[in-house]
Amino acid sequence: MPTNVRPSIPRIVAGVAADYAYVLGRRLTATLKPRAPLPGDGTPPGSRGRPVVILPGIFESWHYLERIVEALSAAGHPVYIVGDIGINGRPIPATARRVYRYLVAHDLRDAILVAHSKGGLIGKHVMLHDAQVNPGANLPGRRRVAHLIAVNTPWRGSELARYGVGAWREFAPRRPVMALLAAESDVDARITAIDSAVDQYVPRESAPAAATRIPVPLVGHFRVLAHPSVVALIVDRVREVTRARGGVPPRTRVSYPGVGIPTAE
């Protein structure tokens, strides 16, 4: 299905229903398997891959991205889970500070952030903070973050947040943190935005203009994180970032069965 063709209503309904079934399954898994993997768990002996830091969405644990964690580990990347952020219910700036302290405490440099939804906003906030406090933030080997890969992130907020309560309201487009993140573009070229064709929470075409945008022909906000093609795409993108100078890999083309999807328009 080409990404410019909207899926049928029955497919959307079925996809959204499966999306929430995925959420329930992940929450059950989090209860049964609370321990997060340590960096290096599941990596082949002698692996020297670029470090990857996982940033889940709001009220999510790392379990939502478990397939991605497993695939990146198998590809030789030490994967870091920031336990201090819990299920990510704190405000974006406060969580970003915790993530940055984690990067410093573990002396991570040129790390790749892999994020879902709110995690992408936190990741961009971390990159902007690094540019402010780190004189070497623009230099490979000295900056804390090389690149951010974010799945279904509401870069410009979501109008649905007006009807939310508590932490959900932070996504209202006119909230100060959303306005700040939308206005700052210095790090946008080091962002890859992967977006579902239909997302019940995130407006389409909200990614930063300078980011590499990868639309995928899938329905839903959550279940895309476990889709084999998306998992493989993220592993490939991490590999491209690792090889690229400056954290900005070339904008090549990726393909799915029967679908050619450009990484940028």
Protein backbone atom coordinates (compact mmCIF):
# COMPACT_ATOMS: atom_id res chain seq x y z
CA MET A 1 0.00 0.00 0.00
CA PRO A 2 1.58 3.33 -1.04
CA THR A 3 1.93 5.73 1.86
CA ASN A 4 -0.16 8.41 0.15
CA VAL A 5 -3.22 6.12 0.03
CA ARG A 6 -5.29 6.13 3.19
CA PRO A 7 -6.25 2.64 4.42
CA SER A 8 -9.88 1.60 4.38
CA ILE A 9 -12.06 2.24 7.44
CA PRO A 10 -12.26 -1.49 8.35
CA ARG A 11 -8.47 -1.73 8.18
CA ILE A 12 -8.08 1.33 10.38
CA VAL A 13 -10.53 0.00 12.97
CA ALA A 14 -8.83 -3.40 13.01
CA GLY A 15 -5.41 -1.78 13.23
CA VAL A 16 -6.33 0.46 16.15
CA ALA A 17 -7.93 -2.47 17.99
CA ALA A 18 -4.75 -4.50 17.50
CA ASP A 19 -2.78 -1.47 18.69
CA TYR A 20 -4.48 -1.49 22.09
CA ALA A 21 -4.14 -5.26 22.33
CA TYR A 22 -0.40 -4.68 21.93
CA VAL A 23 -0.49 -2.16 24.79
CA LEU A 24 -2.19 -4.67 27.08
CA GLY A 25 0.33 -7.33 26.14
CA ARG A 26 3.26 -5.03 26.87
CA ARG A 27 1.87 -4.08 30.26
CA LEU A 28 1.44 -7.73 31.15
CA THR A 29 5.00 -8.42 30.04
CA ALA A 30 6.25 -5.55 32.20
CA THR A 31 4.56 -7.14 35.21
CA LEU A 32 5.98 -10.58 34.53
CA LYS A 33 9.46 -9.41 33.50
CA PRO A 34 10.24 -6.16 35.32
CA ARG A 35 14.04 -6.39 35.12
CA ALA A 36 15.55 -4.34 32.32
CA PRO A 37 18.43 -5.84 30.32
CA LEU A 38 21.88 -4.48 31.05
CA PRO A 39 24.05 -2.90 28.35
CA GLY A 40 25.73 -5.74 26.50
CA ASP A 41 23.07 -8.34 27.28
CA GLY A 42 22.38 -10.29 24.10
CA THR A 43 25.28 -8.85 22.12
CA PRO A 44 27.70 -11.20 20.35
CA PRO A 45 31.13 -11.59 22.00
CA GLY A 46 33.56 -8.88 20.95
CA SER A 47 30.85 -6.52 19.71
CA ARG A 48 31.82 -2.86 19.49
CA GLY A 49 28.64 -1.26 18.21
CA ARG A 50 27.60 2.31 18.89
CA PRO A 51 25.72 2.70 22.21
CA VAL A 52 21.96 3.08 21.92
CA VAL A 53 19.71 4.67 24.55
CA ILE A 54 16.01 3.76 24.66
CA LEU A 55 13.40 6.46 25.37
CA PRO A 56 9.81 5.14 25.66
CA GLY A 57 6.66 7.23 25.30
CA ILE A 58 4.40 8.62 27.99
CA PHE A 59 3.36 6.07 30.63
CA GLU A 60 5.41 3.41 28.85
CA SER A 61 8.22 1.15 29.98
CA TRP A 62 11.07 -0.14 27.83
CA HIS A 63 8.98 -3.26 27.17
CA TYR A 64 7.09 -1.41 24.42
CA LEU A 65 10.36 -1.31 22.46
CA GLU A 66 11.52 -4.79 23.49
CA ARG A 67 11.73 -6.16 19.94
CA ILE A 68 13.90 -3.20 18.98
CA VAL A 69 16.10 -3.68 22.06
CA GLU A 70 16.61 -7.35 21.18
CA ALA A 71 17.40 -6.64 17.53
CA LEU A 72 19.89 -3.87 18.31
CA SER A 73 21.61 -6.03 20.92
CA ALA A 74 21.86 -8.91 18.45
CA ALA A 75 23.41 -6.47 15.96
CA GLY A 76 26.18 -5.73 18.46
CA HIS A 77 24.98 -2.49 20.07
CA PRO A 78 25.02 -2.06 23.85
CA VAL A 79 21.50 -0.88 24.69
CA TYR A 80 20.96 1.39 27.69
CA ILE A 81 17.65 1.58 29.57
CA VAL A 82 17.28 4.75 31.68
CA GLY A 83 15.58 3.34 34.76
CA ASP A 84 15.43 6.73 36.46
CA ILE A 85 12.62 7.94 34.18
CA GLY A 86 10.20 5.21 35.29
CA ILE A 87 7.14 5.08 33.03
CA ASN A 88 7.85 8.56 31.71
CA GLY A 89 5.12 10.60 33.37
CA ARG A 90 7.23 13.61 34.36
CA PRO A 91 7.38 16.82 32.30
CA ILE A 92 9.57 16.71 29.21
CA PRO A 93 12.30 19.12 30.48
CA ALA A 94 12.61 17.31 33.83
CA THR A 95 12.89 13.93 32.13
CA ALA A 96 15.40 15.27 29.62
CA ARG A 97 17.61 16.43 32.49
CA ARG A 98 17.50 12.94 34.00
CA VAL A 99 18.44 11.40 30.66
CA TYR A 100 21.31 13.83 30.19
CA ARG A 101 22.64 13.08 33.67
CA TYR A 102 22.48 9.39 32.76
CA LEU A 103 24.53 10.01 29.59
CA VAL A 104 27.14 11.89 31.61
CA ALA A 105 27.21 9.32 34.43
CA HIS A 106 27.86 6.51 31.93
CA ASP A 107 30.24 8.69 29.88
CA LEU A 108 28.26 8.00 26.71
CA ARG A 109 29.41 9.91 23.65
CA ASP A 110 27.98 9.84 20.13
CA ALA A 111 25.13 7.69 21.42
CA ILE A 112 22.08 7.05 19.28
CA LEU A 113 18.71 7.67 20.89
CA VAL A 114 15.85 5.38 19.81
CA ALA A 115 12.55 6.78 20.99
CA HIS A 116 8.80 6.38 20.80
CA SER A 117 6.27 9.23 20.88
CA LYS A 118 7.06 11.51 23.85
CA GLY A 119 10.50 9.93 23.98
CA GLY A 120 11.34 11.72 20.73
CA LEU A 121 10.53 15.09 22.27
CA ILE A 122 12.69 14.22 25.26
CA GLY A 123 15.48 13.15 22.91
CA LYS A 124 15.41 16.44 21.02
CA HIS A 125 15.40 18.34 24.32
CA VAL A 126 18.49 16.35 25.37
CA MET A 127 20.27 17.23 22.11
CA LEU A 128 19.45 20.92 22.50
CA HIS A 129 20.66 20.87 26.11
CA ASP A 130 23.91 19.21 25.03
CA ALA A 131 24.45 22.00 22.50
CA GLN A 132 24.06 24.57 25.29
CA VAL A 133 26.31 23.05 27.95
CA ASN A 134 28.84 21.05 25.94
CA PRO A 135 31.42 23.06 23.95
CA GLY A 136 32.05 19.99 21.78
CA ALA A 137 28.41 19.22 21.06
CA ASN A 138 28.92 19.65 17.31
CA LEU A 139 32.00 17.45 17.17
CA PRO A 140 31.90 13.66 16.73
CA GLY A 141 33.49 11.97 19.72
CA ARG A 142 32.74 14.85 22.08
CA ARG A 143 28.97 15.27 21.89
CA ARG A 144 26.69 13.05 23.94
CA VAL A 145 24.20 12.27 21.16
CA ALA A 146 24.96 11.64 17.51
CA HIS A 147 21.44 11.00 16.25
CA LEU A 148 17.82 10.55 17.31
CA ILE A 149 15.53 7.95 15.72
CA ALA A 150 11.95 8.60 16.80
CA VAL A 151 8.80 6.61 16.00
CA ASN A 152 5.41 8.35 15.94
CA THR A 153 6.50 11.46 17.81
CA PRO A 154 4.08 14.44 18.02
CA TRP A 155 6.72 16.99 17.05
CA ARG A 156 4.26 19.89 16.99
CA GLY A 157 2.00 18.51 19.69
CA SER A 158 -1.48 17.08 19.35
CA GLU A 159 -4.82 18.86 19.50
CA LEU A 160 -6.15 15.86 21.43
CA ALA A 161 -4.05 17.03 24.39
CA ARG A 162 -6.58 19.81 25.00
CA TYR A 163 -8.99 17.15 26.21
CA GLY A 164 -6.44 15.27 28.30
CA VAL A 165 -5.60 15.57 31.96
CA GLY A 166 -2.35 15.70 33.89
CA ALA A 167 0.76 14.79 31.93
CA TRP A 168 -1.21 14.42 28.68
CA ARG A 169 -1.84 18.17 28.51
CA GLU A 170 1.86 18.84 27.96
CA PHE A 171 1.36 17.88 24.31
CA ALA A 172 -0.99 20.80 23.60
CA PRO A 173 0.61 22.66 20.66
CA ARG A 174 0.60 26.01 22.46
CA ARG A 175 2.31 24.77 25.60
CA PRO A 176 5.71 26.48 26.09
CA VAL A 177 7.78 23.30 25.81
CA MET A 178 6.09 22.32 22.54
CA ALA A 179 6.59 25.80 21.13
CA LEU A 180 10.26 25.72 22.14
CA LEU A 181 10.93 22.34 20.56
CA ALA A 182 9.12 23.31 17.35
CA ALA A 183 11.05 26.58 17.07
CA GLU A 184 14.54 25.17 17.66
CA SER A 185 15.95 23.55 14.51
CA ASP A 186 19.71 23.34 15.09
CA VAL A 187 19.66 19.58 15.73
CA ASP A 188 16.88 18.63 13.32
CA ALA A 189 19.22 17.32 10.61
CA ARG A 190 20.33 14.65 13.10
CA ILE A 191 16.78 13.34 13.57
CA THR A 192 15.08 10.45 11.77
CA ALA A 193 11.27 10.50 12.11
CA ILE A 194 9.40 7.25 11.39
CA ASP A 195 5.63 7.70 11.16
CA SER A 196 2.66 5.39 10.67
CA ALA A 197 0.27 6.10 7.80
CA VAL A 198 -2.53 6.30 10.39
CA ASP A 199 -1.81 7.27 13.99
CA GLN A 200 -4.76 7.89 16.30
CA TYR A 201 -2.73 10.36 18.38
CA VAL A 202 -0.16 12.07 16.17
CA PRO A 203 -1.00 14.36 13.23
CA ARG A 204 0.63 13.45 9.93
CA GLU A 205 3.43 15.56 8.47
CA SER A 206 4.49 16.99 11.83
CA ALA A 207 8.19 16.05 11.64
CA PRO A 208 10.82 18.81 11.52
CA ALA A 209 11.53 19.94 7.97
CA ALA A 210 15.25 19.17 8.20
CA ALA A 211 14.73 15.70 9.67
CA THR A 212 14.86 12.53 7.62
CA ARG A 213 11.22 11.48 7.37
CA ILE A 214 10.28 7.85 6.80
CA PRO A 215 6.56 7.13 6.40
CA VAL A 216 5.55 3.50 6.87
CA PRO A 217 2.33 1.93 5.52
CA LEU A 218 1.05 0.82 8.92
CA VAL A 219 -1.86 1.65 11.21
CA GLY A 220 -1.53 2.55 14.87
CA HIS A 221 0.63 4.36 17.39
CA PHE A 222 2.12 1.47 19.38
CA ARG A 223 2.21 -1.85 17.53
CA VAL A 224 4.49 -0.43 14.85
CA LEU A 225 7.30 -0.78 17.43
CA ALA A 226 7.18 -4.56 17.01
CA HIS A 227 6.60 -4.71 13.25
CA PRO A 228 9.47 -6.72 11.68
CA SER A 229 9.99 -4.20 8.87
CA VAL A 230 10.19 -1.27 11.28
CA VAL A 231 12.52 -3.12 13.64
CA ALA A 232 14.80 -3.95 10.69
CA LEU A 233 14.58 -0.35 9.48
CA ILE A 234 15.73 0.97 12.85
CA VAL A 235 18.65 -1.46 12.99
CA ASP A 236 19.66 -0.40 9.46
CA ARG A 237 19.33 3.26 10.34
CA VAL A 238 21.54 2.84 13.40
CA ARG A 239 24.10 1.17 11.16
CA GLU A 240 23.93 4.08 8.69
CA VAL A 241 24.35 6.65 11.47
CA THR A 242 27.34 4.73 12.82
CA ARG A 243 29.03 4.87 9.43
CA ALA A 244 28.17 8.50 8.70
CA ARG A 245 30.31 11.45 9.61
CA GLY A 246 28.54 14.06 11.68
CA GLY A 247 25.63 11.81 12.61
CA VAL A 248 23.78 12.64 9.38
CA PRO A 249 23.62 9.62 7.05
CA PRO A 250 22.69 10.06 3.39
CA ARG A 251 19.01 10.13 2.57
CA THR A 252 18.73 6.85 0.77
CA ARG A 253 15.62 4.83 -0.04
CA VAL A 254 14.23 1.95 1.97
CA SER A 255 11.72 -0.58 0.76
CA TYR A 256 8.97 -2.77 2.14
CA PRO A 257 7.29 -5.66 0.32
CA GLY A 258 5.77 -4.03 -2.74
CA VAL A 259 6.33 -0.49 -1.46
CA GLY A 260 9.14 1.96 -2.10
CA ILE A 261 9.29 4.57 0.65
CA PRO A 262 11.62 7.58 0.35
CA THR A 263 13.35 8.64 3.54
CA ALA A 264 12.79 12.29 2.71
CA GLU A 265 10.37 14.19 0.55
